[in-house]
N, C-alpha and C. Protein backbone atom coordinates (compact mmCIF):
# COMPACT_ATOMS: atom_id res chain seq x y z
N UNK A 1 110.97 107.91 90.21
CA UNK A 1 110.46 106.61 90.61
C UNK A 1 109.18 106.27 89.85
N UNK A 2 108.33 107.27 89.59
CA UNK A 2 107.04 107.02 88.96
C UNK A 2 107.20 106.35 87.59
N UNK A 3 108.12 106.83 86.78
CA UNK A 3 108.27 106.26 85.45
C UNK A 3 108.75 104.81 85.51
N UNK A 4 109.52 104.45 86.51
CA UNK A 4 109.99 103.08 86.67
C UNK A 4 108.89 102.13 87.11
N UNK A 5 107.83 102.66 87.70
CA UNK A 5 106.74 101.81 88.17
C UNK A 5 105.83 101.34 87.04
N UNK A 6 105.87 102.00 85.91
CA UNK A 6 104.98 101.62 84.81
C UNK A 6 105.18 100.17 84.38
N UNK A 7 106.39 99.68 84.45
CA UNK A 7 106.65 98.29 84.05
C UNK A 7 106.09 97.29 85.07
N UNK A 8 105.70 97.76 86.25
CA UNK A 8 105.15 96.89 87.28
C UNK A 8 103.62 96.81 87.25
N UNK A 9 102.96 97.60 86.39
CA UNK A 9 101.50 97.58 86.33
C UNK A 9 101.02 96.16 86.02
N UNK A 10 100.02 95.71 86.77
CA UNK A 10 99.43 94.36 86.67
C UNK A 10 100.42 93.26 87.05
N UNK A 11 101.49 93.60 87.75
CA UNK A 11 102.46 92.63 88.27
C UNK A 11 102.31 92.59 89.80
N UNK A 12 102.74 91.49 90.40
CA UNK A 12 102.73 91.39 91.86
C UNK A 12 103.95 92.12 92.40
N UNK A 13 103.70 93.03 93.34
CA UNK A 13 104.77 93.83 93.92
C UNK A 13 104.72 93.77 95.44
N UNK A 14 105.84 94.12 96.04
CA UNK A 14 105.94 94.32 97.48
C UNK A 14 106.18 95.80 97.71
N UNK A 15 105.42 96.38 98.62
CA UNK A 15 105.59 97.78 98.98
C UNK A 15 105.94 97.83 100.46
N UNK A 16 107.10 98.39 100.77
CA UNK A 16 107.49 98.59 102.17
C UNK A 16 107.30 100.07 102.47
N UNK A 17 106.60 100.35 103.54
CA UNK A 17 106.29 101.73 103.89
C UNK A 17 107.30 102.27 104.89
N UNK A 18 107.26 103.57 105.07
CA UNK A 18 108.22 104.23 105.96
C UNK A 18 108.04 103.82 107.43
N UNK A 19 106.88 103.25 107.77
CA UNK A 19 106.70 102.76 109.14
C UNK A 19 107.02 101.28 109.28
N UNK A 20 107.58 100.67 108.20
CA UNK A 20 108.06 99.29 108.28
C UNK A 20 107.06 98.23 107.89
N UNK A 21 105.88 98.61 107.40
CA UNK A 21 104.88 97.62 107.00
C UNK A 21 105.19 97.09 105.60
N UNK A 22 104.78 95.83 105.33
CA UNK A 22 105.07 95.17 104.06
C UNK A 22 103.75 94.72 103.43
N UNK A 23 103.41 95.34 102.29
CA UNK A 23 102.18 95.02 101.57
C UNK A 23 102.53 94.30 100.27
N UNK A 24 101.77 93.25 99.95
CA UNK A 24 101.95 92.49 98.72
C UNK A 24 100.63 92.57 97.95
N UNK A 25 100.71 92.83 96.65
CA UNK A 25 99.50 92.86 95.85
C UNK A 25 99.80 93.14 94.40
N UNK A 26 98.75 93.20 93.59
CA UNK A 26 98.88 93.51 92.17
C UNK A 26 98.81 95.01 91.98
N UNK A 27 99.86 95.59 91.43
CA UNK A 27 99.89 97.04 91.21
C UNK A 27 98.91 97.39 90.10
N UNK A 28 97.89 98.17 90.45
CA UNK A 28 96.87 98.58 89.47
C UNK A 28 97.07 100.00 89.00
N UNK A 29 97.73 100.82 89.80
CA UNK A 29 97.92 102.20 89.37
C UNK A 29 98.74 102.99 90.37
N UNK A 30 99.17 104.17 89.93
CA UNK A 30 99.92 105.10 90.77
C UNK A 30 99.79 106.48 90.13
N UNK A 31 100.18 107.50 90.88
CA UNK A 31 100.16 108.85 90.32
C UNK A 31 101.51 109.52 90.52
N UNK A 32 101.57 110.82 90.22
CA UNK A 32 102.85 111.54 90.26
C UNK A 32 103.41 111.67 91.67
N UNK A 33 102.59 111.50 92.69
CA UNK A 33 103.11 111.55 94.07
C UNK A 33 103.32 110.15 94.64
N UNK A 34 103.30 109.15 93.79
CA UNK A 34 103.53 107.73 94.12
C UNK A 34 102.45 107.17 95.05
N UNK A 35 101.24 107.76 95.05
CA UNK A 35 100.11 107.08 95.67
C UNK A 35 99.94 105.78 94.89
N UNK A 36 99.79 104.66 95.59
CA UNK A 36 99.80 103.35 94.94
C UNK A 36 98.48 102.63 95.20
N UNK A 37 97.95 102.01 94.15
CA UNK A 37 96.74 101.20 94.26
C UNK A 37 97.13 99.75 94.08
N UNK A 38 96.86 98.94 95.10
CA UNK A 38 97.11 97.49 95.05
C UNK A 38 95.78 96.75 95.07
N UNK A 39 95.65 95.73 94.23
CA UNK A 39 94.47 94.87 94.24
C UNK A 39 94.89 93.49 94.73
N UNK A 40 93.92 92.75 95.26
CA UNK A 40 94.19 91.41 95.81
C UNK A 40 95.38 91.46 96.76
N UNK A 41 95.37 92.43 97.64
CA UNK A 41 96.55 92.67 98.48
C UNK A 41 96.41 92.05 99.87
N UNK A 42 97.55 91.90 100.50
CA UNK A 42 97.61 91.48 101.88
C UNK A 42 98.85 92.10 102.53
N UNK A 43 98.80 92.19 103.84
CA UNK A 43 99.96 92.68 104.59
C UNK A 43 100.63 91.49 105.24
N UNK A 44 101.95 91.45 105.13
CA UNK A 44 102.71 90.42 105.83
C UNK A 44 103.22 91.01 107.13
N UNK A 45 102.82 90.39 108.24
CA UNK A 45 103.19 90.86 109.56
C UNK A 45 104.22 89.89 110.12
N UNK A 46 105.44 90.37 110.30
CA UNK A 46 106.54 89.53 110.76
C UNK A 46 106.58 89.45 112.27
N UNK A 47 106.98 88.29 112.78
CA UNK A 47 107.08 88.06 114.22
C UNK A 47 108.27 87.14 114.47
N UNK A 48 108.98 87.39 115.55
CA UNK A 48 110.11 86.53 115.88
C UNK A 48 109.67 85.27 116.61
N UNK A 49 108.40 85.19 117.00
CA UNK A 49 107.95 84.02 117.74
C UNK A 49 106.93 83.16 116.99
N UNK A 50 106.09 83.76 116.15
CA UNK A 50 105.01 82.99 115.52
C UNK A 50 105.11 82.88 114.01
N UNK A 51 106.11 83.42 113.40
CA UNK A 51 106.21 83.38 111.95
C UNK A 51 105.48 84.54 111.31
N UNK A 52 105.29 84.46 110.02
CA UNK A 52 104.69 85.56 109.26
C UNK A 52 103.18 85.34 109.13
N UNK A 53 102.41 86.33 109.58
CA UNK A 53 100.96 86.30 109.41
C UNK A 53 100.60 87.13 108.19
N UNK A 54 99.56 86.71 107.47
CA UNK A 54 99.11 87.47 106.31
C UNK A 54 97.69 87.98 106.59
N UNK A 55 97.53 89.29 106.52
CA UNK A 55 96.24 89.93 106.75
C UNK A 55 95.68 90.33 105.39
N UNK A 56 94.56 89.74 105.00
CA UNK A 56 93.96 90.01 103.69
C UNK A 56 93.33 91.40 103.71
N UNK A 57 93.65 92.20 102.68
CA UNK A 57 93.16 93.57 102.58
C UNK A 57 92.28 93.80 101.36
N UNK A 58 92.49 93.06 100.28
CA UNK A 58 91.75 93.30 99.04
C UNK A 58 92.30 94.52 98.32
N UNK A 59 91.42 95.41 97.87
CA UNK A 59 91.85 96.64 97.20
C UNK A 59 92.38 97.60 98.26
N UNK A 60 93.60 98.11 98.07
CA UNK A 60 94.26 98.92 99.10
C UNK A 60 95.00 100.07 98.45
N UNK A 61 94.90 101.25 99.05
CA UNK A 61 95.60 102.44 98.56
C UNK A 61 96.64 102.84 99.59
N UNK A 62 97.86 103.09 99.12
CA UNK A 62 98.95 103.51 100.00
C UNK A 62 99.38 104.91 99.58
N UNK A 63 99.38 105.84 100.53
CA UNK A 63 99.80 107.21 100.25
C UNK A 63 101.26 107.25 99.85
N UNK A 64 101.55 108.06 98.85
CA UNK A 64 102.90 108.15 98.31
C UNK A 64 103.94 108.58 99.32
N UNK A 65 103.56 109.47 100.26
CA UNK A 65 104.56 109.92 101.24
C UNK A 65 104.91 108.84 102.25
N UNK A 66 104.18 107.72 102.24
CA UNK A 66 104.50 106.59 103.13
C UNK A 66 105.32 105.50 102.44
N UNK A 67 105.47 105.58 101.11
CA UNK A 67 106.16 104.54 100.35
C UNK A 67 107.67 104.70 100.49
N UNK A 68 108.34 103.62 100.91
CA UNK A 68 109.80 103.63 101.00
C UNK A 68 110.41 102.84 99.85
N UNK A 69 109.88 101.65 99.56
CA UNK A 69 110.44 100.77 98.54
C UNK A 69 109.30 100.05 97.82
N UNK A 70 109.43 99.92 96.49
CA UNK A 70 108.51 99.11 95.69
C UNK A 70 109.37 98.15 94.88
N UNK A 71 109.04 96.87 94.94
CA UNK A 71 109.80 95.88 94.17
C UNK A 71 108.89 94.80 93.64
N UNK A 72 109.27 94.24 92.51
CA UNK A 72 108.49 93.17 91.89
C UNK A 72 108.75 91.86 92.62
N UNK A 73 107.70 91.06 92.77
CA UNK A 73 107.78 89.76 93.43
C UNK A 73 107.88 88.67 92.36
N UNK A 74 108.81 87.75 92.52
CA UNK A 74 108.87 86.57 91.66
C UNK A 74 107.88 85.56 92.24
N UNK A 75 106.73 85.42 91.60
CA UNK A 75 105.65 84.60 92.15
C UNK A 75 106.02 83.12 92.26
N UNK A 76 106.89 82.63 91.39
CA UNK A 76 107.27 81.21 91.49
C UNK A 76 108.09 80.95 92.75
N UNK A 77 108.93 81.89 93.13
CA UNK A 77 109.69 81.75 94.37
C UNK A 77 108.80 82.02 95.57
N UNK A 78 107.99 83.08 95.50
CA UNK A 78 107.14 83.47 96.62
C UNK A 78 106.16 82.37 96.99
N UNK A 79 105.63 81.65 96.01
CA UNK A 79 104.65 80.60 96.29
C UNK A 79 105.27 79.41 97.02
N UNK A 80 106.57 79.26 96.93
CA UNK A 80 107.25 78.13 97.60
C UNK A 80 107.66 78.46 99.03
N UNK A 81 107.53 79.71 99.44
CA UNK A 81 107.92 80.09 100.80
C UNK A 81 106.96 79.52 101.83
N UNK A 82 107.49 78.99 102.91
CA UNK A 82 106.67 78.53 104.04
C UNK A 82 106.68 79.66 105.07
N UNK A 83 105.74 80.60 104.89
CA UNK A 83 105.75 81.80 105.72
C UNK A 83 105.52 81.51 107.20
N UNK A 84 104.84 80.44 107.51
CA UNK A 84 104.61 80.09 108.91
C UNK A 84 105.88 79.74 109.66
N UNK A 85 106.92 79.32 108.93
CA UNK A 85 108.18 78.96 109.57
C UNK A 85 109.25 80.04 109.46
N UNK A 86 108.93 81.14 108.82
CA UNK A 86 109.89 82.25 108.71
C UNK A 86 109.66 83.18 109.90
N UNK A 87 110.66 83.29 110.73
CA UNK A 87 110.55 84.15 111.91
C UNK A 87 111.55 85.29 111.79
N UNK A 88 111.07 86.51 112.00
CA UNK A 88 111.94 87.68 111.89
C UNK A 88 111.33 88.83 112.68
N UNK A 89 112.19 89.69 113.17
CA UNK A 89 111.71 90.90 113.84
C UNK A 89 111.05 91.79 112.80
N UNK A 90 109.95 92.46 113.16
CA UNK A 90 109.35 93.43 112.23
C UNK A 90 110.32 94.57 111.93
N UNK A 91 110.19 95.14 110.74
CA UNK A 91 111.02 96.29 110.39
C UNK A 91 110.62 97.48 111.25
N UNK A 92 111.58 98.29 111.59
CA UNK A 92 111.29 99.50 112.33
C UNK A 92 110.95 100.63 111.38
N UNK A 93 110.45 101.71 111.94
CA UNK A 93 110.13 102.90 111.14
C UNK A 93 111.41 103.59 110.70
N UNK A 94 111.32 104.32 109.60
CA UNK A 94 112.45 105.10 109.13
C UNK A 94 112.67 106.26 110.09
N UNK A 95 113.91 106.47 110.46
CA UNK A 95 114.25 107.58 111.36
C UNK A 95 114.90 108.67 110.54
N UNK A 96 114.34 109.84 110.59
CA UNK A 96 114.89 110.97 109.81
C UNK A 96 115.85 111.77 110.63
């Protein structure tokens, strides 16, 4: 996975963690254990009643053992989303 992340450096990515949290930010770095550094980041908190809240975090480090999925965000599509009107249940934690 680490070698595939190199193409995402300085790109906007979404990181979903094993406990179901969703972080969006600019990938600034990572290491061999997939510890991830995000800049200008925020967490998207999903709710079935109030829509998606965004919690501003700034520079954020995510431990590699918590990373479940990393994907690139298409900023042109993402900027058109009306997150206040998107309602969804939060993701659950991964069950081993």
